[in-house]
Structures are given as C-alpha cells and as structure tokens.
Amino acid sequence: CADSALLAQWDEQLWSFSPVEFVPHVSADDPLAAETPIILSSSGIERPDRSILVSLLGQGSEPAAHFSRYQRLIELVSTDAADRSAARDRWRFYRDRGYPIHTHEAGAPRPA
C-alpha cells in the first residue's frame, strides 16, 4: 500500500479485529519479516519467498510492482468511483497480458 496512513490502519486492524485471535504480521523492515506470514509495506518491495501479493493501490495507481513474480495478486478496491476506475484500468492491463482474472464483490453471495 503506497498510502502510509491506510497501511497503519491495516496494521491496527490486524492487531485488533478480534479479542481472541491474532493475525501475525510485521513491517517489511522488521527483523522477523522472513519468519512472518504477512508483511506490510508502503513500497514496492519484492518478496520472492511469498506466493500472494495483496495490493491496496488506490486511485490513479499503476499495477503493483513485481506483481508477476507472485503466484496470486489480490487487489482490494473500494467503492469510490475514482478508485474503481483505476482498478478497471489495471484489470485491462492484466487481462491484455493473459493473466487469469476473477472478481469478487465483498458481501456478495459465493457461488455454490
């Protein structure tokens, strides 16, 4: 996530989303990053030892740096019109390069 304030919100939410559960995570520059399943970063760091990149790009953003080196890319897109428009541009970028794309609307029922 390029937005450090949004990244800080995610950090807080991962610490506090449930009083009895914990989602292990650290910042990319933490000494425990190599041992921790979730790494938070505001820069386009490359982590070839990870298989999934979750991207919180936002409005006007280019595709995530190094996205092609991961097995899966997950982009979270808000309901903001400008954010959705930028996401559609990235979607076309991925599609035009032959990447398989699946969309999921939050709150929508899952197929059986």
Protein backbone atom coordinates (compact mmCIF):
# COMPACT_ATOMS: atom_id res chain seq x y z
CA CYS A 1 0.00 0.00 0.00
CA ALA A 2 1.52 3.32 -1.06
CA ASP A 3 -0.64 5.23 1.44
CA SER A 4 1.18 5.00 4.79
CA ALA A 5 -1.93 6.11 6.74
CA LEU A 6 -4.00 3.33 5.16
CA LEU A 7 -1.22 0.85 5.85
CA ALA A 8 -1.20 1.94 9.51
CA GLN A 9 -4.96 1.33 9.64
CA TRP A 10 -4.46 -2.20 8.29
CA ASP A 11 -1.74 -2.78 10.87
CA GLU A 12 -4.11 -1.71 13.65
CA GLN A 13 -6.96 -3.81 12.28
CA LEU A 14 -4.79 -6.91 12.07
CA TRP A 15 -3.90 -6.43 15.76
CA SER A 16 -7.43 -5.74 16.95
CA PHE A 17 -10.02 -7.33 14.65
CA SER A 18 -10.85 -9.96 17.29
CA PRO A 19 -10.06 -10.05 21.01
CA VAL A 20 -9.22 -13.77 20.90
CA GLU A 21 -7.42 -14.11 17.55
CA PHE A 22 -4.20 -12.75 16.13
CA VAL A 23 -3.01 -12.35 12.54
CA PRO A 24 0.81 -12.45 12.63
CA HIS A 25 2.29 -9.56 10.65
CA VAL A 26 5.23 -7.16 10.68
CA SER A 27 6.54 -4.30 8.57
CA ALA A 28 8.88 -5.17 5.72
CA ASP A 29 11.92 -3.80 7.52
CA ASP A 30 11.29 -5.80 10.71
CA PRO A 31 13.97 -8.38 11.57
CA LEU A 32 11.22 -11.03 11.80
CA ALA A 33 9.91 -10.38 8.27
CA ALA A 34 11.47 -13.57 6.90
CA GLU A 35 9.63 -15.62 9.54
CA THR A 36 6.27 -13.85 9.50
CA PRO A 37 3.45 -14.84 7.11
CA ILE A 38 2.16 -11.29 6.48
CA ILE A 39 4.43 -8.38 5.62
CA LEU A 40 3.15 -4.80 5.44
CA SER A 41 4.98 -2.44 3.11
CA SER A 42 4.40 1.02 1.66
CA SER A 43 6.98 0.45 -1.07
CA GLY A 44 7.07 -1.99 -3.95
CA ILE A 45 9.40 -4.47 -2.29
CA GLU A 46 9.89 -7.81 -3.95
CA ARG A 47 9.46 -10.90 -1.79
CA PRO A 48 10.01 -13.97 -4.00
CA ASP A 49 9.58 -16.20 -0.94
CA ARG A 50 5.88 -15.21 -0.78
CA SER A 51 3.20 -16.59 -3.08
CA ILE A 52 0.46 -13.96 -2.66
CA LEU A 53 0.61 -10.19 -3.02
CA VAL A 54 -2.33 -8.25 -1.57
CA SER A 55 -2.34 -4.77 -3.05
CA LEU A 56 -4.12 -1.68 -1.73
CA LEU A 57 -3.19 0.67 -4.54
CA GLY A 58 -5.94 3.26 -4.68
CA GLN A 59 -6.74 5.95 -7.21
CA GLY A 60 -4.52 6.53 -10.21
CA SER A 61 -2.12 3.75 -9.33
CA GLU A 62 -0.18 1.65 -11.78
CA PRO A 63 -0.15 -2.13 -11.37
CA ALA A 64 1.66 -3.35 -8.27
CA ALA A 65 5.44 -3.54 -8.60
CA HIS A 66 6.75 -7.08 -9.18
CA PHE A 67 3.19 -8.48 -9.33
CA SER A 68 4.21 -11.04 -11.97
CA ARG A 69 6.64 -12.72 -9.56
CA TYR A 70 3.84 -13.85 -7.27
CA GLN A 71 1.53 -16.82 -7.82
CA ARG A 72 -1.51 -14.66 -6.99
CA LEU A 73 -2.30 -10.97 -6.85
CA ILE A 74 -5.25 -9.77 -4.82
CA GLU A 75 -6.30 -6.16 -5.21
CA LEU A 76 -8.73 -4.65 -2.74
CA VAL A 77 -10.78 -1.90 -4.34
CA SER A 78 -13.08 0.50 -2.52
CA THR A 79 -16.49 1.65 -3.71
CA ASP A 80 -15.07 5.10 -4.55
CA ALA A 81 -15.70 5.84 -8.25
CA ALA A 82 -12.15 7.03 -8.97
CA ASP A 83 -10.66 4.01 -7.19
CA ARG A 84 -12.89 1.64 -9.16
CA SER A 85 -11.97 3.38 -12.44
CA ALA A 86 -8.24 2.97 -11.71
CA ALA A 87 -8.87 -0.67 -10.80
CA ARG A 88 -10.62 -1.23 -14.14
CA ASP A 89 -7.54 0.16 -15.94
CA ARG A 90 -5.31 -2.27 -14.03
CA TRP A 91 -7.78 -5.09 -14.78
CA ARG A 92 -7.45 -4.39 -18.50
CA PHE A 93 -3.65 -4.29 -18.13
CA TYR A 94 -3.62 -7.76 -16.52
CA ARG A 95 -6.21 -9.17 -18.95
CA ASP A 96 -4.35 -7.89 -22.02
CA ARG A 97 -1.25 -9.74 -20.82
CA GLY A 98 -3.12 -13.00 -20.43
CA TYR A 99 -3.39 -13.22 -16.65
CA PRO A 100 -6.44 -15.10 -15.36
CA ILE A 101 -8.75 -12.69 -13.57
CA HIS A 102 -11.52 -13.36 -11.07
CA THR A 103 -13.61 -10.68 -9.41
CA HIS A 104 -15.34 -10.97 -6.06
CA GLU A 105 -17.73 -8.40 -4.66
CA ALA A 106 -17.49 -8.06 -0.89
CA GLY A 107 -20.73 -9.13 0.72
CA ALA A 108 -21.97 -10.87 -2.41
CA PRO A 109 -23.08 -14.50 -2.02
CA ARG A 110 -20.49 -17.04 -3.08
CA PRO A 111 -21.31 -19.45 -5.91
CA ALA A 112 -22.30 -22.94 -4.79
